[in-house]
Amino acid sequence: MPSSSRKKAIARRLTRDWVAGYLPADGFVHAGDVELLGLEGKVLSLPADTLKWICFVRDFNSGELNNPERLVRKAFGVRPRTEGVFLRLTLKDGDQVEGLAANDVSLVTGEGLFLTPPDIRSNTQRIWVPRSSVEAAEVVAVIGGAAAKPAKKKPAEEADETQERLF
């Protein structure tokens, strides 16, 4: 595991059990395995295809044994205003989760997707969903992005012919 700044993370398996530890913010999947630095100080190798998601959290001490990531709101109440791609993912276990993904090449490359959850005030700040746990993905909206190009102007030849040509 490369020595970089590590963030608090909770890895949720498809079997519903979870493991808490530390991960770098990006680039933590190597040869299909996630290398998580456990709370005991040991590096745990978790196969990415057994994971439901990894939640980057503010705090491990949420007091909840069944839902330590405290991901209560999995859907947006209204259309988000932050720039990005608004996605709705259906996971292999039947759960649906919505989030905002960056509008860049990371949507089609890599081992998984990074999402900003609907409620960023909760314990979960960011979610990584491995592609192997996604049953279906729906793009709900693309928010922000490049501004619309202005309409093309008429060429000078098509302009009003009452004006004299100077050149």
N, C-alpha and C. Protein backbone atom coordinates (compact mmCIF):
# COMPACT_ATOMS: atom_id res chain seq x y z
N MET A 1 0.85 -1.18 0.00
CA MET A 1 0.00 0.00 0.00
C MET A 1 0.89 1.23 0.00
N PRO A 2 0.71 2.14 -0.95
CA PRO A 2 1.55 3.33 -1.00
C PRO A 2 1.34 4.21 0.22
N SER A 3 2.42 4.86 0.63
CA SER A 3 2.29 5.73 1.80
C SER A 3 1.81 7.10 1.35
N SER A 4 0.57 7.35 1.57
CA SER A 4 -0.03 8.65 1.25
C SER A 4 -1.03 8.96 2.34
N SER A 5 -1.66 10.09 2.23
CA SER A 5 -2.68 10.45 3.19
C SER A 5 -3.83 9.46 3.11
N ARG A 6 -4.17 8.88 4.22
CA ARG A 6 -5.25 7.88 4.24
C ARG A 6 -6.49 8.48 4.88
N LYS A 7 -7.64 8.07 4.37
CA LYS A 7 -8.93 8.55 4.85
C LYS A 7 -9.66 7.42 5.57
N LYS A 8 -10.51 7.78 6.50
CA LYS A 8 -11.34 6.79 7.19
C LYS A 8 -12.35 6.22 6.22
N ALA A 9 -12.47 4.89 6.21
CA ALA A 9 -13.37 4.24 5.26
C ALA A 9 -14.02 3.02 5.89
N ILE A 10 -15.22 2.74 5.43
CA ILE A 10 -15.95 1.53 5.83
C ILE A 10 -16.28 0.77 4.56
N ALA A 11 -15.75 -0.45 4.47
CA ALA A 11 -16.00 -1.31 3.31
C ALA A 11 -17.16 -2.23 3.64
N ARG A 12 -18.23 -2.12 2.87
CA ARG A 12 -19.43 -2.94 3.06
C ARG A 12 -19.40 -4.04 2.01
N ARG A 13 -19.48 -5.29 2.46
CA ARG A 13 -19.50 -6.43 1.54
C ARG A 13 -20.93 -6.70 1.08
N LEU A 14 -21.06 -7.47 0.00
CA LEU A 14 -22.39 -7.84 -0.49
C LEU A 14 -23.12 -8.73 0.51
N THR A 15 -22.38 -9.36 1.41
CA THR A 15 -22.98 -10.21 2.45
C THR A 15 -23.48 -9.39 3.64
N ARG A 16 -23.40 -8.07 3.56
CA ARG A 16 -23.87 -7.10 4.55
C ARG A 16 -22.90 -6.87 5.72
N ASP A 17 -21.84 -7.70 5.88
CA ASP A 17 -20.89 -7.40 6.94
C ASP A 17 -19.95 -6.29 6.46
N TRP A 18 -19.21 -5.68 7.37
CA TRP A 18 -18.40 -4.53 7.02
C TRP A 18 -17.07 -4.57 7.76
N VAL A 19 -16.11 -3.83 7.20
CA VAL A 19 -14.77 -3.72 7.78
C VAL A 19 -14.40 -2.23 7.77
N ALA A 20 -13.89 -1.75 8.89
CA ALA A 20 -13.46 -0.35 8.98
C ALA A 20 -11.94 -0.29 8.86
N GLY A 21 -11.46 0.80 8.28
CA GLY A 21 -10.02 0.98 8.14
C GLY A 21 -9.70 2.28 7.43
N TYR A 22 -8.50 2.32 6.88
CA TYR A 22 -8.01 3.52 6.22
C TYR A 22 -7.61 3.21 4.79
N LEU A 23 -7.96 4.12 3.87
CA LEU A 23 -7.63 3.99 2.45
C LEU A 23 -7.11 5.32 1.93
N PRO A 24 -6.24 5.27 0.90
CA PRO A 24 -5.92 6.53 0.23
C PRO A 24 -7.17 7.04 -0.49
N ALA A 25 -7.21 8.30 -0.80
CA ALA A 25 -8.40 8.89 -1.44
C ALA A 25 -8.65 8.33 -2.83
N ASP A 26 -7.61 7.80 -3.48
CA ASP A 26 -7.75 7.29 -4.84
C ASP A 26 -6.65 6.27 -5.09
N GLY A 27 -6.85 5.39 -6.05
CA GLY A 27 -5.82 4.43 -6.43
C GLY A 27 -5.59 3.32 -5.41
N PHE A 28 -6.63 2.83 -4.79
CA PHE A 28 -6.49 1.80 -3.77
C PHE A 28 -6.81 0.40 -4.27
N VAL A 29 -7.17 0.25 -5.54
CA VAL A 29 -7.46 -1.07 -6.11
C VAL A 29 -6.23 -1.53 -6.89
N HIS A 30 -5.73 -2.72 -6.53
CA HIS A 30 -4.57 -3.30 -7.19
C HIS A 30 -4.87 -4.74 -7.54
N ALA A 31 -4.85 -5.05 -8.84
CA ALA A 31 -5.10 -6.41 -9.35
C ALA A 31 -6.44 -6.96 -8.85
N GLY A 32 -7.47 -6.11 -8.81
CA GLY A 32 -8.80 -6.54 -8.41
C GLY A 32 -9.03 -6.62 -6.92
N ASP A 33 -8.05 -6.24 -6.11
CA ASP A 33 -8.17 -6.26 -4.66
C ASP A 33 -8.04 -4.85 -4.09
N VAL A 34 -8.81 -4.59 -3.04
CA VAL A 34 -8.72 -3.33 -2.30
C VAL A 34 -7.84 -3.59 -1.09
N GLU A 35 -6.80 -2.79 -0.94
CA GLU A 35 -5.89 -2.94 0.20
C GLU A 35 -6.27 -1.92 1.26
N LEU A 36 -6.92 -2.42 2.31
CA LEU A 36 -7.43 -1.58 3.39
C LEU A 36 -6.52 -1.73 4.60
N LEU A 37 -6.07 -0.64 5.16
CA LEU A 37 -5.30 -0.67 6.40
C LEU A 37 -6.30 -0.75 7.54
N GLY A 38 -6.39 -1.93 8.17
CA GLY A 38 -7.37 -2.15 9.22
C GLY A 38 -7.08 -1.35 10.47
N LEU A 39 -8.04 -1.29 11.36
CA LEU A 39 -7.89 -0.53 12.61
C LEU A 39 -6.82 -1.15 13.50
N GLU A 40 -6.52 -2.44 13.30
CA GLU A 40 -5.49 -3.12 14.08
C GLU A 40 -4.09 -2.87 13.54
N GLY A 41 -3.98 -2.21 12.38
CA GLY A 41 -2.69 -1.90 11.79
C GLY A 41 -2.25 -2.90 10.74
N LYS A 42 -3.07 -3.88 10.41
CA LYS A 42 -2.73 -4.87 9.39
C LYS A 42 -3.39 -4.48 8.07
N VAL A 43 -2.69 -4.77 6.96
CA VAL A 43 -3.25 -4.51 5.64
C VAL A 43 -4.14 -5.68 5.26
N LEU A 44 -5.41 -5.39 4.98
CA LEU A 44 -6.38 -6.41 4.59
C LEU A 44 -6.59 -6.32 3.09
N SER A 45 -6.55 -7.46 2.42
CA SER A 45 -6.79 -7.50 0.98
C SER A 45 -8.22 -7.99 0.76
N LEU A 46 -9.07 -7.10 0.28
CA LEU A 46 -10.48 -7.42 0.06
C LEU A 46 -10.74 -7.50 -1.44
N PRO A 47 -11.20 -8.65 -1.96
CA PRO A 47 -11.53 -8.72 -3.39
C PRO A 47 -12.64 -7.71 -3.73
N ALA A 48 -12.41 -6.90 -4.75
CA ALA A 48 -13.36 -5.85 -5.12
C ALA A 48 -14.70 -6.42 -5.55
N ASP A 49 -14.71 -7.64 -6.11
CA ASP A 49 -15.98 -8.21 -6.57
C ASP A 49 -16.85 -8.72 -5.43
N THR A 50 -16.34 -8.71 -4.18
CA THR A 50 -17.16 -9.09 -3.03
C THR A 50 -17.71 -7.87 -2.29
N LEU A 51 -17.32 -6.67 -2.74
CA LEU A 51 -17.73 -5.44 -2.05
C LEU A 51 -18.98 -4.85 -2.67
N LYS A 52 -19.82 -4.30 -1.80
CA LYS A 52 -20.99 -3.54 -2.24
C LYS A 52 -20.58 -2.10 -2.51
N TRP A 53 -19.89 -1.49 -1.55
CA TRP A 53 -19.37 -0.14 -1.68
C TRP A 53 -18.35 0.11 -0.59
N ILE A 54 -17.63 1.20 -0.76
CA ILE A 54 -16.74 1.71 0.29
C ILE A 54 -17.17 3.14 0.56
N CYS A 55 -17.48 3.42 1.82
CA CYS A 55 -17.88 4.77 2.22
C CYS A 55 -16.72 5.45 2.94
N PHE A 56 -16.33 6.60 2.45
CA PHE A 56 -15.35 7.42 3.14
C PHE A 56 -16.12 8.24 4.16
N VAL A 57 -15.78 8.07 5.45
CA VAL A 57 -16.60 8.60 6.54
C VAL A 57 -15.84 9.64 7.36
N ARG A 58 -16.62 10.40 8.12
CA ARG A 58 -16.04 11.39 9.03
C ARG A 58 -15.53 10.72 10.30
N ASP A 59 -16.29 9.72 10.78
CA ASP A 59 -16.02 9.16 12.10
C ASP A 59 -16.36 7.68 12.12
N PHE A 60 -15.55 6.88 12.82
CA PHE A 60 -15.85 5.46 12.99
C PHE A 60 -16.82 5.22 14.14
N ASN A 61 -16.85 6.11 15.10
CA ASN A 61 -17.64 5.92 16.31
C ASN A 61 -19.05 6.45 16.16
N SER A 62 -19.79 5.88 15.24
CA SER A 62 -21.16 6.34 15.05
C SER A 62 -22.11 5.70 16.06
N GLY A 63 -21.67 4.64 16.70
CA GLY A 63 -22.51 3.96 17.67
C GLY A 63 -23.50 2.99 17.06
N GLU A 64 -23.53 2.89 15.74
CA GLU A 64 -24.46 1.99 15.06
C GLU A 64 -23.69 0.78 14.54
N LEU A 65 -24.09 -0.40 14.96
CA LEU A 65 -23.40 -1.62 14.53
C LEU A 65 -23.86 -2.09 13.16
N ASN A 66 -25.13 -1.85 12.81
CA ASN A 66 -25.65 -2.31 11.53
C ASN A 66 -25.42 -1.32 10.40
N ASN A 67 -25.33 -0.04 10.72
CA ASN A 67 -25.18 0.99 9.69
C ASN A 67 -24.14 2.02 10.15
N PRO A 68 -22.86 1.61 10.26
CA PRO A 68 -21.85 2.55 10.78
C PRO A 68 -21.58 3.71 9.83
N GLU A 69 -21.84 3.53 8.54
CA GLU A 69 -21.62 4.62 7.60
C GLU A 69 -22.75 5.64 7.66
N ARG A 70 -23.84 5.31 8.35
CA ARG A 70 -25.02 6.17 8.53
C ARG A 70 -25.50 6.74 7.20
N LEU A 71 -25.58 5.88 6.22
CA LEU A 71 -26.06 6.28 4.90
C LEU A 71 -27.57 6.07 4.90
N VAL A 72 -28.29 7.03 5.48
CA VAL A 72 -29.74 6.93 5.63
C VAL A 72 -30.44 7.37 4.36
N ARG A 73 -30.08 8.54 3.85
CA ARG A 73 -30.68 9.04 2.61
C ARG A 73 -29.87 8.55 1.43
N LYS A 74 -30.46 7.69 0.61
CA LYS A 74 -29.77 7.15 -0.56
C LYS A 74 -30.31 7.75 -1.85
N ALA A 75 -31.24 8.70 -1.73
CA ALA A 75 -31.84 9.34 -2.90
C ALA A 75 -31.96 10.84 -2.65
N PHE A 76 -31.84 11.61 -3.71
CA PHE A 76 -32.00 13.06 -3.61
C PHE A 76 -33.48 13.39 -3.51
N GLY A 77 -33.82 14.34 -2.64
CA GLY A 77 -35.20 14.80 -2.53
C GLY A 77 -35.58 15.68 -3.71
N VAL A 78 -34.66 16.51 -4.13
CA VAL A 78 -34.84 17.39 -5.29
C VAL A 78 -33.59 17.27 -6.16
N ARG A 79 -33.66 17.84 -7.34
CA ARG A 79 -32.52 17.79 -8.24
C ARG A 79 -31.33 18.52 -7.61
N PRO A 80 -30.16 17.88 -7.57
CA PRO A 80 -29.00 18.56 -6.96
C PRO A 80 -28.54 19.74 -7.80
N ARG A 81 -27.87 20.69 -7.15
CA ARG A 81 -27.39 21.88 -7.84
C ARG A 81 -25.90 21.83 -8.13
N THR A 82 -25.20 20.92 -7.49
CA THR A 82 -23.76 20.79 -7.71
C THR A 82 -23.48 20.22 -9.09
N GLU A 83 -22.41 20.68 -9.72
CA GLU A 83 -22.07 20.23 -11.06
C GLU A 83 -21.62 18.77 -11.04
N GLY A 84 -22.06 18.00 -12.03
CA GLY A 84 -21.68 16.60 -12.15
C GLY A 84 -22.73 15.80 -12.89
N VAL A 85 -22.56 14.49 -12.87
CA VAL A 85 -23.52 13.58 -13.50
C VAL A 85 -24.34 12.95 -12.38
N PHE A 86 -25.63 13.17 -12.41
CA PHE A 86 -26.57 12.65 -11.42
C PHE A 86 -26.90 11.21 -11.83
N LEU A 87 -26.45 10.23 -11.03
CA LEU A 87 -26.62 8.81 -11.34
C LEU A 87 -27.55 8.13 -10.36
N ARG A 88 -28.27 7.14 -10.85
CA ARG A 88 -29.06 6.24 -10.00
C ARG A 88 -28.56 4.83 -10.29
N LEU A 89 -27.96 4.20 -9.27
CA LEU A 89 -27.40 2.87 -9.43
C LEU A 89 -28.28 1.84 -8.74
N THR A 90 -28.54 0.74 -9.41
CA THR A 90 -29.19 -0.41 -8.80
C THR A 90 -28.09 -1.44 -8.58
N LEU A 91 -27.93 -1.87 -7.35
CA LEU A 91 -26.86 -2.79 -7.00
C LEU A 91 -27.33 -4.24 -7.06
N LYS A 92 -26.39 -5.16 -7.04
CA LYS A 92 -26.72 -6.59 -7.17
C LYS A 92 -27.62 -7.10 -6.05
N ASP A 93 -27.55 -6.47 -4.88
CA ASP A 93 -28.40 -6.93 -3.77
C ASP A 93 -29.78 -6.26 -3.78
N GLY A 94 -30.07 -5.46 -4.82
CA GLY A 94 -31.38 -4.83 -4.95
C GLY A 94 -31.44 -3.41 -4.43
N ASP A 95 -30.45 -2.98 -3.68
CA ASP A 95 -30.42 -1.60 -3.18
C ASP A 95 -30.27 -0.61 -4.32
N GLN A 96 -30.87 0.56 -4.16
CA GLN A 96 -30.67 1.66 -5.09
C GLN A 96 -29.99 2.79 -4.35
N VAL A 97 -29.02 3.41 -5.00
CA VAL A 97 -28.34 4.55 -4.42
C VAL A 97 -28.15 5.60 -5.52
N GLU A 98 -28.37 6.86 -5.13
CA GLU A 98 -28.17 7.97 -6.05
C GLU A 98 -26.96 8.75 -5.59
N GLY A 99 -26.32 9.41 -6.54
CA GLY A 99 -25.17 10.22 -6.21
C GLY A 99 -24.73 11.05 -7.39
N LEU A 100 -23.81 11.95 -7.11
CA LEU A 100 -23.22 12.78 -8.16
C LEU A 100 -21.82 12.28 -8.45
N ALA A 101 -21.54 12.03 -9.72
CA ALA A 101 -20.22 11.61 -10.16
C ALA A 101 -19.59 12.74 -10.96
N ALA A 102 -18.28 12.76 -11.01
CA ALA A 102 -17.57 13.76 -11.81
C ALA A 102 -17.86 13.52 -13.29
N ASN A 103 -18.03 14.58 -14.03
CA ASN A 103 -18.30 14.48 -15.46
C ASN A 103 -16.96 14.43 -16.20
N ASP A 104 -16.28 13.28 -16.08
CA ASP A 104 -15.00 13.10 -16.73
C ASP A 104 -14.82 11.64 -17.14
N VAL A 105 -13.62 11.30 -17.56
CA VAL A 105 -13.35 9.96 -18.09
C VAL A 105 -13.46 8.87 -17.02
N SER A 106 -13.46 9.22 -15.75
CA SER A 106 -13.55 8.22 -14.68
C SER A 106 -14.89 7.48 -14.70
N LEU A 107 -15.89 8.02 -15.40
CA LEU A 107 -17.18 7.33 -15.52
C LEU A 107 -17.06 6.03 -16.31
N VAL A 108 -16.12 5.96 -17.23
CA VAL A 108 -16.02 4.78 -18.10
C VAL A 108 -14.72 4.01 -17.90
N THR A 109 -13.82 4.50 -17.07
CA THR A 109 -12.57 3.79 -16.82
C THR A 109 -12.48 3.43 -15.35
N GLY A 110 -11.56 2.57 -15.02
CA GLY A 110 -11.30 2.24 -13.63
C GLY A 110 -12.14 1.09 -13.13
N GLU A 111 -11.89 0.75 -11.88
CA GLU A 111 -12.53 -0.39 -11.23
C GLU A 111 -13.89 -0.05 -10.63
N GLY A 112 -14.18 1.25 -10.48
CA GLY A 112 -15.44 1.64 -9.86
C GLY A 112 -15.74 3.11 -10.05
N LEU A 113 -16.83 3.55 -9.42
CA LEU A 113 -17.31 4.93 -9.53
C LEU A 113 -17.24 5.62 -8.18
N PHE A 114 -16.81 6.86 -8.17
CA PHE A 114 -16.88 7.69 -6.98
C PHE A 114 -18.14 8.52 -7.06
N LEU A 115 -18.93 8.51 -5.98
CA LEU A 115 -20.17 9.28 -5.91
C LEU A 115 -20.15 10.18 -4.69
N THR A 116 -20.74 11.34 -4.84
CA THR A 116 -21.04 12.19 -3.70
C THR A 116 -22.46 11.86 -3.29
N PRO A 117 -22.68 11.45 -2.04
CA PRO A 117 -24.03 11.01 -1.63
C PRO A 117 -25.01 12.17 -1.52
N PRO A 118 -26.31 11.86 -1.48
CA PRO A 118 -27.34 12.91 -1.38
C PRO A 118 -27.21 13.77 -0.13
N ASP A 119 -26.86 13.18 1.00
CA ASP A 119 -26.77 13.93 2.25
C ASP A 119 -25.30 14.01 2.66
N ILE A 120 -24.63 15.09 2.28
CA ILE A 120 -23.21 15.21 2.61
C ILE A 120 -22.98 15.64 4.06
N ARG A 121 -24.05 15.93 4.79
CA ARG A 121 -23.92 16.27 6.21
C ARG A 121 -23.91 15.02 7.08
N SER A 122 -24.20 13.86 6.48
CA SER A 122 -24.20 12.62 7.25
C SER A 122 -22.76 12.17 7.48
N ASN A 123 -22.57 11.00 8.03
CA ASN A 123 -21.24 10.48 8.29
C ASN A 123 -20.49 10.16 7.00
N THR A 124 -21.20 9.79 5.94
CA THR A 124 -20.56 9.42 4.68
C THR A 124 -20.33 10.66 3.82
N GLN A 125 -19.06 10.86 3.45
CA GLN A 125 -18.70 12.01 2.62
C GLN A 125 -18.60 11.65 1.15
N ARG A 126 -18.17 10.43 0.87
CA ARG A 126 -17.98 9.98 -0.50
C ARG A 126 -18.16 8.47 -0.55
N ILE A 127 -18.64 7.96 -1.68
CA ILE A 127 -18.88 6.52 -1.84
C ILE A 127 -18.12 6.05 -3.07
N TRP A 128 -17.44 4.91 -2.94
CA TRP A 128 -16.85 4.24 -4.09
C TRP A 128 -17.63 2.96 -4.31
N VAL A 129 -18.18 2.79 -5.51
CA VAL A 129 -18.97 1.61 -5.84
C VAL A 129 -18.21 0.82 -6.90
N PRO A 130 -17.81 -0.43 -6.60
CA PRO A 130 -17.11 -1.21 -7.63
C PRO A 130 -18.06 -1.56 -8.77
N ARG A 131 -17.54 -1.58 -9.98
CA ARG A 131 -18.37 -1.87 -11.15
C ARG A 131 -19.01 -3.25 -11.05
N SER A 132 -18.35 -4.18 -10.36
CA SER A 132 -18.88 -5.54 -10.25
C SER A 132 -20.15 -5.61 -9.41
N SER A 133 -20.41 -4.62 -8.56
CA SER A 133 -21.62 -4.66 -7.72
C SER A 133 -22.79 -3.89 -8.34
N VAL A 134 -22.58 -3.28 -9.51
CA VAL A 134 -23.64 -2.50 -10.16
C VAL A 134 -24.42 -3.39 -11.11
N GLU A 135 -25.71 -3.50 -10.85
CA GLU A 135 -26.62 -4.25 -11.73
C GLU A 135 -27.07 -3.38 -12.90
N ALA A 136 -27.44 -2.12 -12.59
CA ALA A 136 -27.90 -1.18 -13.62
C ALA A 136 -27.51 0.23 -13.20
N ALA A 137 -27.20 1.06 -14.20
CA ALA A 137 -26.86 2.46 -13.95
C ALA A 137 -27.72 3.34 -14.86
N GLU A 138 -28.30 4.37 -14.27
CA GLU A 138 -29.15 5.29 -15.02
C GLU A 138 -28.63 6.72 -14.83
N VAL A 139 -28.40 7.41 -15.92
CA VAL A 139 -28.04 8.82 -15.86
C VAL A 139 -29.34 9.61 -15.76
N VAL A 140 -29.55 10.24 -14.62
CA VAL A 140 -30.77 11.01 -14.40
C VAL A 140 -30.64 12.40 -15.02
N ALA A 141 -29.48 13.02 -14.85
CA ALA A 141 -29.26 14.37 -15.39
C ALA A 141 -27.77 14.66 -15.44
N VAL A 142 -27.41 15.54 -16.34
CA VAL A 142 -26.06 16.11 -16.36
C VAL A 142 -26.21 17.55 -15.93
N ILE A 143 -25.56 17.90 -14.84
CA ILE A 143 -25.74 19.21 -14.24
C ILE A 143 -24.48 20.04 -14.47
N GLY A 144 -24.67 21.26 -14.96
CA GLY A 144 -23.53 22.14 -15.23
C GLY A 144 -22.88 21.76 -16.54
N GLY A 145 -21.57 21.89 -16.59
CA GLY A 145 -20.85 21.54 -17.81
C GLY A 145 -20.62 22.73 -18.69
N ALA A 146 -20.27 22.46 -19.92
CA ALA A 146 -19.95 23.52 -20.88
C ALA A 146 -21.19 24.33 -21.23
N ALA A 147 -20.99 25.60 -21.42
CA ALA A 147 -22.09 26.48 -21.81
C ALA A 147 -22.46 26.21 -23.26
N ALA A 148 -23.68 26.48 -23.60
CA ALA A 148 -24.14 26.28 -24.97
C ALA A 148 -23.42 27.24 -25.90
N LYS A 149 -23.09 26.76 -27.08
CA LYS A 149 -22.40 27.60 -28.06
C LYS A 149 -23.40 28.57 -28.68
N PRO A 150 -22.97 29.81 -28.92
CA PRO A 150 -23.90 30.77 -29.54
C PRO A 150 -24.21 30.35 -30.97
N ALA A 151 -25.36 30.78 -31.45
CA ALA A 151 -25.77 30.45 -32.81
C ALA A 151 -24.81 31.09 -33.80
N LYS A 152 -24.59 30.39 -34.91
CA LYS A 152 -23.67 30.92 -35.93
C LYS A 152 -24.29 32.14 -36.60
N LYS A 153 -23.44 33.11 -36.90
CA LYS A 153 -23.89 34.31 -37.59
C LYS A 153 -23.91 34.04 -39.08
N LYS A 154 -24.74 34.79 -39.76
CA LYS A 154 -24.80 34.65 -41.21
C LYS A 154 -23.49 35.12 -41.82
N PRO A 155 -23.03 34.46 -42.86
CA PRO A 155 -21.84 34.96 -43.55
C PRO A 155 -22.14 36.31 -44.19
N ALA A 156 -21.10 37.05 -44.50
CA ALA A 156 -21.24 38.41 -45.05
C ALA A 156 -21.98 38.40 -46.38
N GLU A 157 -21.85 37.32 -47.16
CA GLU A 157 -22.52 37.27 -48.46
C GLU A 157 -24.03 37.23 -48.31
N GLU A 158 -24.52 36.63 -47.25
CA GLU A 158 -25.95 36.49 -47.06
C GLU A 158 -26.56 37.68 -46.32
N ALA A 159 -25.75 38.64 -45.95
CA ALA A 159 -26.24 39.79 -45.20
C ALA A 159 -27.10 40.66 -46.11
N ASP A 160 -27.68 41.64 -45.54
CA ASP A 160 -28.56 42.55 -46.27
C ASP A 160 -27.80 43.13 -47.47
N GLU A 161 -28.34 42.97 -48.66
CA GLU A 161 -27.65 43.39 -49.87
C GLU A 161 -27.80 44.88 -50.14
N THR A 162 -28.51 45.61 -49.34
CA THR A 162 -28.64 47.05 -49.56
C THR A 162 -27.38 47.77 -49.10
N GLN A 163 -26.58 47.13 -48.30
CA GLN A 163 -25.35 47.75 -47.84
C GLN A 163 -24.27 47.57 -48.90
N GLU A 164 -23.54 48.61 -49.15
CA GLU A 164 -22.48 48.53 -50.15
C GLU A 164 -21.28 47.81 -49.57
N ARG A 165 -20.61 47.11 -50.46
CA ARG A 165 -19.39 46.42 -50.05
C ARG A 165 -18.25 47.42 -50.07
N LEU A 166 -17.47 47.44 -49.06
CA LEU A 166 -16.36 48.38 -48.97
C LEU A 166 -15.07 47.80 -49.52
N PHE A 167 -14.93 46.55 -49.51
CA PHE A 167 -13.67 45.94 -49.96
C PHE A 167 -13.89 44.96 -51.06
